[in-house]
Amino acid sequence: KFVEALVERYDGDGINDYDSIIKVKYWQMENEPFPTQWENRGGTIDGYVRFAELTHNAIKKSDPNAKIILGTVQFETTEDINKFNEVISKMKNKNLFDYVDTHFWKSGNNYKISVGEARSVLDFNGYSNAKMVALEFGTTVTLKGTTEKDQANYLIKGYAYNIAHGFSLINWNNLVEWNN
């Protein structure tokens, strides 16, 4: 009921809207649940799949045109890909999401997000239309020897390479340096 009300409040359809100017059409199911955050809080893979089904149904009930983003998944290790495969295989052909998000924070020439195996898992399980996005993509100048020029090169190369290799959206995060 909460998700239904939340989506209705911000869908911009003129019914129970907070403000007619605000139109939220993209909803993410949990931030960074995998590979371990969901389970570290006592959740299970089956529990996440049930959460995704309930969330999907509530969002679509309030806004059938909304787009749903699968909670952020890391694709850095074999364990990450195995966990992703376990989750997606249990969502097989259920059409629960439109996008898959990954967060990527590296430095130097390590700007290439590896998604080949993830793409194969999606395609095999009926999600060939799901788009890849990186809603947090960044680097830092706090590493010893890393300059602002290095950071700029990383970002430009990262955008060019990752868009050319299957990402439909990349959000640069942060526009200002964190305080540490």
C-alpha atoms as a PDB file:
ATOM      1  CA  LYS A   1       0.000   0.000   0.000  1.00  0.00           C
ATOM      2  CA  PHE A   2       2.872   2.370   0.796  1.00  0.00           C
ATOM      3  CA  VAL A   3       4.535   1.851  -2.599  1.00  0.00           C
ATOM      4  CA  GLU A   4       1.211   2.251  -4.396  1.00  0.00           C
ATOM      5  CA  ALA A   5       0.555   5.533  -2.558  1.00  0.00           C
ATOM      6  CA  LEU A   6       4.110   6.763  -3.122  1.00  0.00           C
ATOM      7  CA  VAL A   7       3.996   6.134  -6.868  1.00  0.00           C
ATOM      8  CA  GLU A   8       0.530   7.676  -7.108  1.00  0.00           C
ATOM      9  CA  ARG A   9       1.744  10.782  -5.267  1.00  0.00           C
ATOM     10  CA  TYR A  10       4.549  11.396  -7.772  1.00  0.00           C
ATOM     11  CA  ASP A  11       3.248   9.980 -11.084  1.00  0.00           C
ATOM     12  CA  GLY A  12       1.938  13.343 -12.332  1.00  0.00           C
ATOM     13  CA  ASP A  13      -1.407  12.033 -13.516  1.00  0.00           C
ATOM     14  CA  GLY A  14      -3.451  14.635 -11.624  1.00  0.00           C
ATOM     15  CA  ILE A  15      -4.828  12.145  -9.077  1.00  0.00           C
ATOM     16  CA  ASN A  16      -3.591  12.630  -5.496  1.00  0.00           C
ATOM     17  CA  ASP A  17      -0.387  14.189  -6.844  1.00  0.00           C
ATOM     18  CA  TYR A  18       1.953  16.113  -4.595  1.00  0.00           C
ATOM     19  CA  ASP A  19       2.616  18.585  -7.396  1.00  0.00           C
ATOM     20  CA  SER A  20       1.504  18.360 -11.022  1.00  0.00           C
ATOM     21  CA  ILE A  21       4.973  19.448 -12.176  1.00  0.00           C
ATOM     22  CA  ILE A  22       6.638  16.404 -10.574  1.00  0.00           C
ATOM     23  CA  LYS A  23       6.462  13.294 -12.725  1.00  0.00           C
ATOM     24  CA  VAL A  24       8.547  10.356 -11.507  1.00  0.00           C
ATOM     25  CA  LYS A  25       8.578   7.564 -14.072  1.00  0.00           C
ATOM     26  CA  TYR A  26      11.589   5.528 -12.914  1.00  0.00           C
ATOM     27  CA  TRP A  27      11.611   3.563  -9.655  1.00  0.00           C
ATOM     28  CA  GLN A  28      14.512   1.531  -8.276  1.00  0.00           C
ATOM     29  CA  MET A  29      13.921  -1.627  -6.236  1.00  0.00           C
ATOM     30  CA  GLU A  30      16.389  -1.254  -3.349  1.00  0.00           C
ATOM     31  CA  ASN A  31      19.777   0.419  -3.473  1.00  0.00           C
ATOM     32  CA  GLU A  32      22.818  -1.883  -3.620  1.00  0.00           C
ATOM     33  CA  PRO A  33      21.223  -5.141  -2.450  1.00  0.00           C
ATOM     34  CA  PHE A  34      23.852  -7.407  -4.021  1.00  0.00           C
ATOM     35  CA  PRO A  35      26.037  -9.240  -3.704  1.00  0.00           C
ATOM     36  CA  THR A  36      25.778  -9.213   0.109  1.00  0.00           C
ATOM     37  CA  GLN A  37      23.875  -6.235   1.519  1.00  0.00           C
ATOM     38  CA  TRP A  38      20.422  -7.841   1.303  1.00  0.00           C
ATOM     39  CA  GLU A  39      21.625 -11.043   2.947  1.00  0.00           C
ATOM     40  CA  ASN A  40      23.681  -9.165   5.570  1.00  0.00           C
ATOM     41  CA  ARG A  41      20.423  -7.640   6.790  1.00  0.00           C
ATOM     42  CA  GLY A  42      18.849 -11.076   7.177  1.00  0.00           C
ATOM     43  CA  GLY A  43      17.274 -11.315   3.728  1.00  0.00           C
ATOM     44  CA  THR A  44      17.342 -14.238   1.328  1.00  0.00           C
ATOM     45  CA  ILE A  45      17.414 -14.441  -2.441  1.00  0.00           C
ATOM     46  CA  ASP A  46      13.867 -15.815  -2.435  1.00  0.00           C
ATOM     47  CA  GLY A  47      12.875 -12.926  -0.172  1.00  0.00           C
ATOM     48  CA  TYR A  48      14.354 -10.417  -2.595  1.00  0.00           C
ATOM     49  CA  VAL A  49      12.510 -12.007  -5.509  1.00  0.00           C
ATOM     50  CA  ARG A  50       9.259 -11.769  -3.537  1.00  0.00           C
ATOM     51  CA  PHE A  51      10.085  -8.150  -2.655  1.00  0.00           C
ATOM     52  CA  ALA A  52      10.698  -7.439  -6.358  1.00  0.00           C
ATOM     53  CA  GLU A  53       7.395  -9.047  -7.362  1.00  0.00           C
ATOM     54  CA  LEU A  54       5.424  -7.086  -4.756  1.00  0.00           C
ATOM     55  CA  THR A  55       7.201  -3.839  -5.582  1.00  0.00           C
ATOM     56  CA  HIS A  56       6.736  -4.322  -9.330  1.00  0.00           C
ATOM     57  CA  ASN A  57       3.014  -5.025  -8.886  1.00  0.00           C
ATOM     58  CA  ALA A  58       2.487  -2.001  -6.619  1.00  0.00           C
ATOM     59  CA  ILE A  59       4.343   0.347  -8.972  1.00  0.00           C
ATOM     60  CA  LYS A  60       2.499  -0.895 -12.046  1.00  0.00           C
ATOM     61  CA  LYS A  61      -0.864  -0.741 -10.271  1.00  0.00           C
ATOM     62  CA  SER A  62      -0.394   2.975  -9.659  1.00  0.00           C
ATOM     63  CA  ASP A  63       1.453   3.780 -12.897  1.00  0.00           C
ATOM     64  CA  PRO A  64       1.361   1.156 -15.659  1.00  0.00           C
ATOM     65  CA  ASN A  65       3.848   3.233 -17.685  1.00  0.00           C
ATOM     66  CA  ALA A  66       6.478   3.450 -14.943  1.00  0.00           C
ATOM     67  CA  LYS A  67       9.919   1.968 -15.567  1.00  0.00           C
ATOM     68  CA  ILE A  68      11.508  -0.225 -12.912  1.00  0.00           C
ATOM     69  CA  ILE A  69      15.214  -0.472 -12.144  1.00  0.00           C
ATOM     70  CA  LEU A  70      16.626  -3.606 -10.539  1.00  0.00           C
ATOM     71  CA  GLY A  71      18.533  -2.713  -7.388  1.00  0.00           C
ATOM     72  CA  THR A  72      22.184  -2.037  -7.904  1.00  0.00           C
ATOM     73  CA  VAL A  73      24.290  -5.071  -8.681  1.00  0.00           C
ATOM     74  CA  GLN A  74      28.072  -5.298  -8.682  1.00  0.00           C
ATOM     75  CA  PHE A  75      29.767  -7.151 -11.541  1.00  0.00           C
ATOM     76  CA  GLU A  76      33.341  -7.236 -10.281  1.00  0.00           C
ATOM     77  CA  THR A  77      33.938 -10.803  -9.094  1.00  0.00           C
ATOM     78  CA  THR A  78      32.841 -14.312  -9.958  1.00  0.00           C
ATOM     79  CA  GLU A  79      30.827 -14.297  -6.711  1.00  0.00           C
ATOM     80  CA  ASP A  80      29.005 -11.160  -7.889  1.00  0.00           C
ATOM     81  CA  ILE A  81      28.068 -12.760 -11.220  1.00  0.00           C
ATOM     82  CA  ASN A  82      27.028 -16.010  -9.502  1.00  0.00           C
ATOM     83  CA  LYS A  83      24.777 -14.096  -7.084  1.00  0.00           C
ATOM     84  CA  PHE A  84      23.314 -12.097  -9.989  1.00  0.00           C
ATOM     85  CA  ASN A  85      22.659 -15.334 -11.892  1.00  0.00           C
ATOM     86  CA  GLU A  86      20.938 -16.827  -8.838  1.00  0.00           C
ATOM     87  CA  VAL A  87      18.652 -13.807  -8.477  1.00  0.00           C
ATOM     88  CA  ILE A  88      17.828 -13.410 -12.170  1.00  0.00           C
ATOM     89  CA  SER A  89      17.208 -17.129 -12.731  1.00  0.00           C
ATOM     90  CA  LYS A  90      14.526 -16.963 -10.013  1.00  0.00           C
ATOM     91  CA  MET A  91      12.965 -13.979 -11.824  1.00  0.00           C
ATOM     92  CA  LYS A  92      13.063 -15.782 -15.166  1.00  0.00           C
ATOM     93  CA  ASN A  93      10.497 -14.504 -17.652  1.00  0.00           C
ATOM     94  CA  LYS A  94       8.612 -12.529 -14.965  1.00  0.00           C
ATOM     95  CA  ASN A  95       9.262  -9.136 -16.579  1.00  0.00           C
ATOM     96  CA  LEU A  96       9.883  -7.477 -13.201  1.00  0.00           C
ATOM     97  CA  PHE A  97      12.266  -4.722 -14.331  1.00  0.00           C
ATOM     98  CA  ASP A  98      13.305  -2.620 -17.311  1.00  0.00           C
ATOM     99  CA  TYR A  99      16.807  -1.558 -16.240  1.00  0.00           C
ATOM    100  CA  VAL A 100      19.725  -3.015 -14.292  1.00  0.00           C
ATOM    101  CA  ASP A 101      21.866  -0.570 -12.311  1.00  0.00           C
ATOM    102  CA  THR A 102      25.487  -0.949 -11.313  1.00  0.00           C
ATOM    103  CA  HIS A 103      27.637   1.447  -9.318  1.00  0.00           C
ATOM    104  CA  PHE A 104      31.243   1.781 -10.405  1.00  0.00           C
ATOM    105  CA  TRP A 105      33.981   3.650  -8.535  1.00  0.00           C
ATOM    106  CA  LYS A 106      37.550   3.120  -9.699  1.00  0.00           C
ATOM    107  CA  SER A 107      40.514   5.217 -10.769  1.00  0.00           C
ATOM    108  CA  GLY A 108      43.178   5.543 -13.446  1.00  0.00           C
ATOM    109  CA  ASN A 109      42.584   3.385 -16.508  1.00  0.00           C
ATOM    110  CA  ASN A 110      40.165   1.063 -14.698  1.00  0.00           C
ATOM    111  CA  TYR A 111      37.051   2.698 -16.199  1.00  0.00           C
ATOM    112  CA  LYS A 112      35.629  -0.275 -18.137  1.00  0.00           C
ATOM    113  CA  ILE A 113      32.542  -1.821 -16.562  1.00  0.00           C
ATOM    114  CA  SER A 114      32.497  -5.550 -17.295  1.00  0.00           C
ATOM    115  CA  VAL A 115      28.948  -6.594 -18.150  1.00  0.00           C
ATOM    116  CA  GLY A 116      29.342  -9.351 -20.734  1.00  0.00           C
ATOM    117  CA  GLU A 117      28.472 -12.186 -18.345  1.00  0.00           C
ATOM    118  CA  ALA A 118      25.653 -10.185 -16.774  1.00  0.00           C
ATOM    119  CA  ARG A 119      24.201  -9.451 -20.200  1.00  0.00           C
ATOM    120  CA  SER A 120      24.281 -13.191 -20.988  1.00  0.00           C
ATOM    121  CA  VAL A 121      22.451 -13.979 -17.730  1.00  0.00           C
ATOM    122  CA  LEU A 122      19.776 -11.394 -18.541  1.00  0.00           C
ATOM    123  CA  ASP A 123      19.319 -12.607 -22.103  1.00  0.00           C
ATOM    124  CA  PHE A 124      19.095 -16.273 -21.054  1.00  0.00           C
ATOM    125  CA  ASN A 125      16.412 -15.502 -18.461  1.00  0.00           C
ATOM    126  CA  GLY A 126      14.059 -13.471 -20.640  1.00  0.00           C
ATOM    127  CA  TYR A 127      15.426  -9.986 -19.963  1.00  0.00           C
ATOM    128  CA  SER A 128      17.028  -9.269 -23.329  1.00  0.00           C
ATOM    129  CA  ASN A 129      15.216  -5.910 -23.421  1.00  0.00           C
ATOM    130  CA  ALA A 130      16.540  -4.825 -20.008  1.00  0.00           C
ATOM    131  CA  LYS A 131      18.924  -1.899 -20.357  1.00  0.00           C
ATOM    132  CA  MET A 132      22.142  -1.454 -18.431  1.00  0.00           C
ATOM    133  CA  VAL A 133      22.673   1.789 -16.501  1.00  0.00           C
ATOM    134  CA  ALA A 134      25.312   3.050 -14.095  1.00  0.00           C
ATOM    135  CA  LEU A 135      23.507   5.412 -11.756  1.00  0.00           C
ATOM    136  CA  GLU A 136      26.715   6.034  -9.817  1.00  0.00           C
ATOM    137  CA  PHE A 137      29.874   6.309 -11.885  1.00  0.00           C
ATOM    138  CA  GLY A 138      32.851   8.098 -10.504  1.00  0.00           C
ATOM    139  CA  THR A 139      36.407   8.343  -9.424  1.00  0.00           C
ATOM    140  CA  THR A 140      38.224  10.240  -6.728  1.00  0.00           C
ATOM    141  CA  VAL A 141      41.182  12.569  -6.502  1.00  0.00           C
ATOM    142  CA  THR A 142      41.850  11.571  -2.902  1.00  0.00           C
ATOM    143  CA  LEU A 143      44.105   8.684  -3.937  1.00  0.00           C
ATOM    144  CA  LYS A 144      47.755   9.649  -3.577  1.00  0.00           C
ATOM    145  CA  GLY A 145      49.099  10.817  -6.907  1.00  0.00           C
ATOM    146  CA  THR A 146      45.689  11.104  -8.603  1.00  0.00           C
ATOM    147  CA  THR A 147      45.133  14.525 -10.126  1.00  0.00           C
ATOM    148  CA  GLU A 148      42.035  16.327 -11.333  1.00  0.00           C
ATOM    149  CA  LYS A 149      43.339  15.742 -14.878  1.00  0.00           C
ATOM    150  CA  ASP A 150      43.461  11.989 -14.149  1.00  0.00           C
ATOM    151  CA  GLN A 151      39.885  12.181 -12.870  1.00  0.00           C
ATOM    152  CA  ALA A 152      38.722  14.042 -15.992  1.00  0.00           C
ATOM    153  CA  ASN A 153      40.424  11.484 -18.283  1.00  0.00           C
ATOM    154  CA  TYR A 154      38.793   8.633 -16.361  1.00  0.00           C
ATOM    155  CA  LEU A 155      35.342  10.150 -16.688  1.00  0.00           C
ATOM    156  CA  ILE A 156      35.600  10.981 -20.394  1.00  0.00           C
ATOM    157  CA  LYS A 157      37.072   7.584 -21.303  1.00  0.00           C
ATOM    158  CA  GLY A 158      34.584   5.823 -19.014  1.00  0.00           C
ATOM    159  CA  TYR A 159      31.589   7.508 -20.616  1.00  0.00           C
ATOM    160  CA  ALA A 160      32.805   6.885 -24.156  1.00  0.00           C
ATOM    161  CA  TYR A 161      33.780   3.250 -23.581  1.00  0.00           C
ATOM    162  CA  ASN A 162      30.790   2.169 -21.474  1.00  0.00           C
ATOM    163  CA  ILE A 163      28.151   3.851 -23.657  1.00  0.00           C
ATOM    164  CA  ALA A 164      29.765   2.162 -26.675  1.00  0.00           C
ATOM    165  CA  HIS A 165      29.607  -1.192 -24.837  1.00  0.00           C
ATOM    166  CA  GLY A 166      25.963  -1.382 -23.876  1.00  0.00           C
ATOM    167  CA  PHE A 167      25.150   1.224 -21.238  1.00  0.00           C
ATOM    168  CA  SER A 168      22.153   3.403 -22.022  1.00  0.00           C
ATOM    169  CA  LEU A 169      22.762   5.841 -19.156  1.00  0.00           C
ATOM    170  CA  ILE A 170      25.680   6.770 -16.928  1.00  0.00           C
ATOM    171  CA  ASN A 171      25.304   9.255 -14.058  1.00  0.00           C
ATOM    172  CA  TRP A 172      28.489  10.888 -12.877  1.00  0.00           C
ATOM    173  CA  ASN A 173      28.641  10.847  -9.099  1.00  0.00           C
ATOM    174  CA  ASN A 174      29.871  13.240  -7.499  1.00  0.00           C
ATOM    175  CA  LEU A 175      30.150  16.667  -9.017  1.00  0.00           C
ATOM    176  CA  VAL A 176      32.125  17.815  -5.992  1.00  0.00           C
ATOM    177  CA  GLU A 177      34.824  15.989  -4.055  1.00  0.00           C
ATOM    178  CA  TRP A 178      33.736  14.266  -0.862  1.00  0.00           C
ATOM    179  CA  ASN A 179      35.110  15.659   2.348  1.00  0.00           C
ATOM    180  CA  ASN A 180      37.677  13.222   3.723  1.00  0.00           C
END
